[in-house]
Amino acid sequence: MVITGAASDIGEAAVRLYAERGHRAAAVDVAEEGLARLAGPDGVATLGGDVAAEQTKPGAGRAGWWGTMR
């Protein structure tokens, strides 16, 4: 699951909920400093960037599929 706006509020809560339930989540946000709080749980891949930007889309897709980016 790719979750945008993951560095705060509802996005962060969604990432934590997915991780707590054993699912993989790709946390994507332009606020990279907020993503640092999500880097610990297993199954959470973080990617700083804007999903509307072409250069971010391939990384977000790989993170969501494989869960390997941190």
C-alpha atoms as a PDB file:
ATOM      1  CA  MET A   1       0.000   0.000   0.000  1.00  0.00           C
ATOM      2  CA  VAL A   2       1.396   3.404  -0.959  1.00  0.00           C
ATOM      3  CA  ILE A   3       0.283   6.058   1.526  1.00  0.00           C
ATOM      4  CA  THR A   4       0.831   9.688   0.554  1.00  0.00           C
ATOM      5  CA  GLY A   5       0.952  12.517   3.043  1.00  0.00           C
ATOM      6  CA  ALA A   6       2.418   9.959   5.425  1.00  0.00           C
ATOM      7  CA  ALA A   7       4.556  12.285   7.534  1.00  0.00           C
ATOM      8  CA  SER A   8       1.692  13.627   9.643  1.00  0.00           C
ATOM      9  CA  ASP A   9      -1.899  13.338  10.801  1.00  0.00           C
ATOM     10  CA  ILE A  10      -4.129  10.813   9.029  1.00  0.00           C
ATOM     11  CA  GLY A  11      -1.365   9.616   6.702  1.00  0.00           C
ATOM     12  CA  GLU A  12       0.956   8.823   9.606  1.00  0.00           C
ATOM     13  CA  ALA A  13      -1.848   7.081  11.491  1.00  0.00           C
ATOM     14  CA  ALA A  14      -2.647   4.970   8.422  1.00  0.00           C
ATOM     15  CA  VAL A  15       0.984   3.880   8.046  1.00  0.00           C
ATOM     16  CA  ARG A  16       1.206   2.933  11.723  1.00  0.00           C
ATOM     17  CA  LEU A  17      -2.078   1.009  11.570  1.00  0.00           C
ATOM     18  CA  TYR A  18      -0.972  -0.972   8.513  1.00  0.00           C
ATOM     19  CA  ALA A  19       2.366  -1.790  10.170  1.00  0.00           C
ATOM     20  CA  GLU A  20       0.725  -2.814  13.456  1.00  0.00           C
ATOM     21  CA  ARG A  21      -1.511  -5.223  11.563  1.00  0.00           C
ATOM     22  CA  GLY A  22       1.429  -6.809   9.765  1.00  0.00           C
ATOM     23  CA  HIS A  23       0.992  -5.168   6.362  1.00  0.00           C
ATOM     24  CA  ARG A  24       3.689  -3.478   4.308  1.00  0.00           C
ATOM     25  CA  ALA A  25       3.280   0.216   3.638  1.00  0.00           C
ATOM     26  CA  ALA A  26       5.215   2.709   1.542  1.00  0.00           C
ATOM     27  CA  ALA A  27       5.125   6.067   3.307  1.00  0.00           C
ATOM     28  CA  VAL A  28       5.580   8.956   0.859  1.00  0.00           C
ATOM     29  CA  ASP A  29       5.686  12.653   1.706  1.00  0.00           C
ATOM     30  CA  VAL A  30       7.510  15.849   0.763  1.00  0.00           C
ATOM     31  CA  ALA A  31       8.226  16.430   4.474  1.00  0.00           C
ATOM     32  CA  GLU A  32      11.157  14.037   4.776  1.00  0.00           C
ATOM     33  CA  GLU A  33      11.876  15.006   8.386  1.00  0.00           C
ATOM     34  CA  GLY A  34       8.447  13.658   9.374  1.00  0.00           C
ATOM     35  CA  LEU A  35       9.125  10.389   7.578  1.00  0.00           C
ATOM     36  CA  ALA A  36      12.043   9.732   9.927  1.00  0.00           C
ATOM     37  CA  ARG A  37       9.513   8.928  12.679  1.00  0.00           C
ATOM     38  CA  LEU A  38       8.130   6.100  10.539  1.00  0.00           C
ATOM     39  CA  ALA A  39      11.414   4.431   9.614  1.00  0.00           C
ATOM     40  CA  GLY A  40      11.431   1.990  12.542  1.00  0.00           C
ATOM     41  CA  PRO A  41       8.526  -0.432  12.114  1.00  0.00           C
ATOM     42  CA  ASP A  42       9.087  -3.533  10.014  1.00  0.00           C
ATOM     43  CA  GLY A  43       7.197  -3.414   6.766  1.00  0.00           C
ATOM     44  CA  VAL A  44       7.385   0.367   6.395  1.00  0.00           C
ATOM     45  CA  ALA A  45       9.356   1.811   3.502  1.00  0.00           C
ATOM     46  CA  THR A  46       9.819   5.579   3.407  1.00  0.00           C
ATOM     47  CA  LEU A  47      10.336   7.807   0.383  1.00  0.00           C
ATOM     48  CA  GLY A  48      10.674  11.575   0.409  1.00  0.00           C
ATOM     49  CA  GLY A  49       9.138  13.298  -2.573  1.00  0.00           C
ATOM     50  CA  ASP A  50       6.045  14.565  -4.304  1.00  0.00           C
ATOM     51  CA  VAL A  51       3.998  11.765  -5.877  1.00  0.00           C
ATOM     52  CA  ALA A  52       2.843  14.227  -8.539  1.00  0.00           C
ATOM     53  CA  ALA A  53       6.455  14.590  -9.704  1.00  0.00           C
ATOM     54  CA  GLU A  54       7.507  12.157 -12.423  1.00  0.00           C
ATOM     55  CA  GLN A  55      10.849  11.394 -10.729  1.00  0.00           C
ATOM     56  CA  THR A  56       9.102  10.219  -7.536  1.00  0.00           C
ATOM     57  CA  LYS A  57       6.547   7.870  -9.108  1.00  0.00           C
ATOM     58  CA  PRO A  58       8.909   4.958  -9.933  1.00  0.00           C
ATOM     59  CA  GLY A  59      10.349   4.974  -6.405  1.00  0.00           C
ATOM     60  CA  ALA A  60       6.903   5.070  -4.824  1.00  0.00           C
ATOM     61  CA  GLY A  61       5.800   2.140  -6.931  1.00  0.00           C
ATOM     62  CA  ARG A  62       8.864   0.069  -6.047  1.00  0.00           C
ATOM     63  CA  ALA A  63       8.514   0.920  -2.348  1.00  0.00           C
ATOM     64  CA  GLY A  64       4.867  -0.081  -2.349  1.00  0.00           C
ATOM     65  CA  TRP A  65       5.421  -3.326  -4.188  1.00  0.00           C
ATOM     66  CA  TRP A  66       8.615  -4.567  -2.573  1.00  0.00           C
ATOM     67  CA  GLY A  67       8.739  -2.611   0.669  1.00  0.00           C
ATOM     68  CA  THR A  68      12.489  -2.285   0.348  1.00  0.00           C
ATOM     69  CA  MET A  69      13.140   1.465   0.279  1.00  0.00           C
ATOM     70  CA  ARG A  70      14.093   3.253   3.498  1.00  0.00           C
END
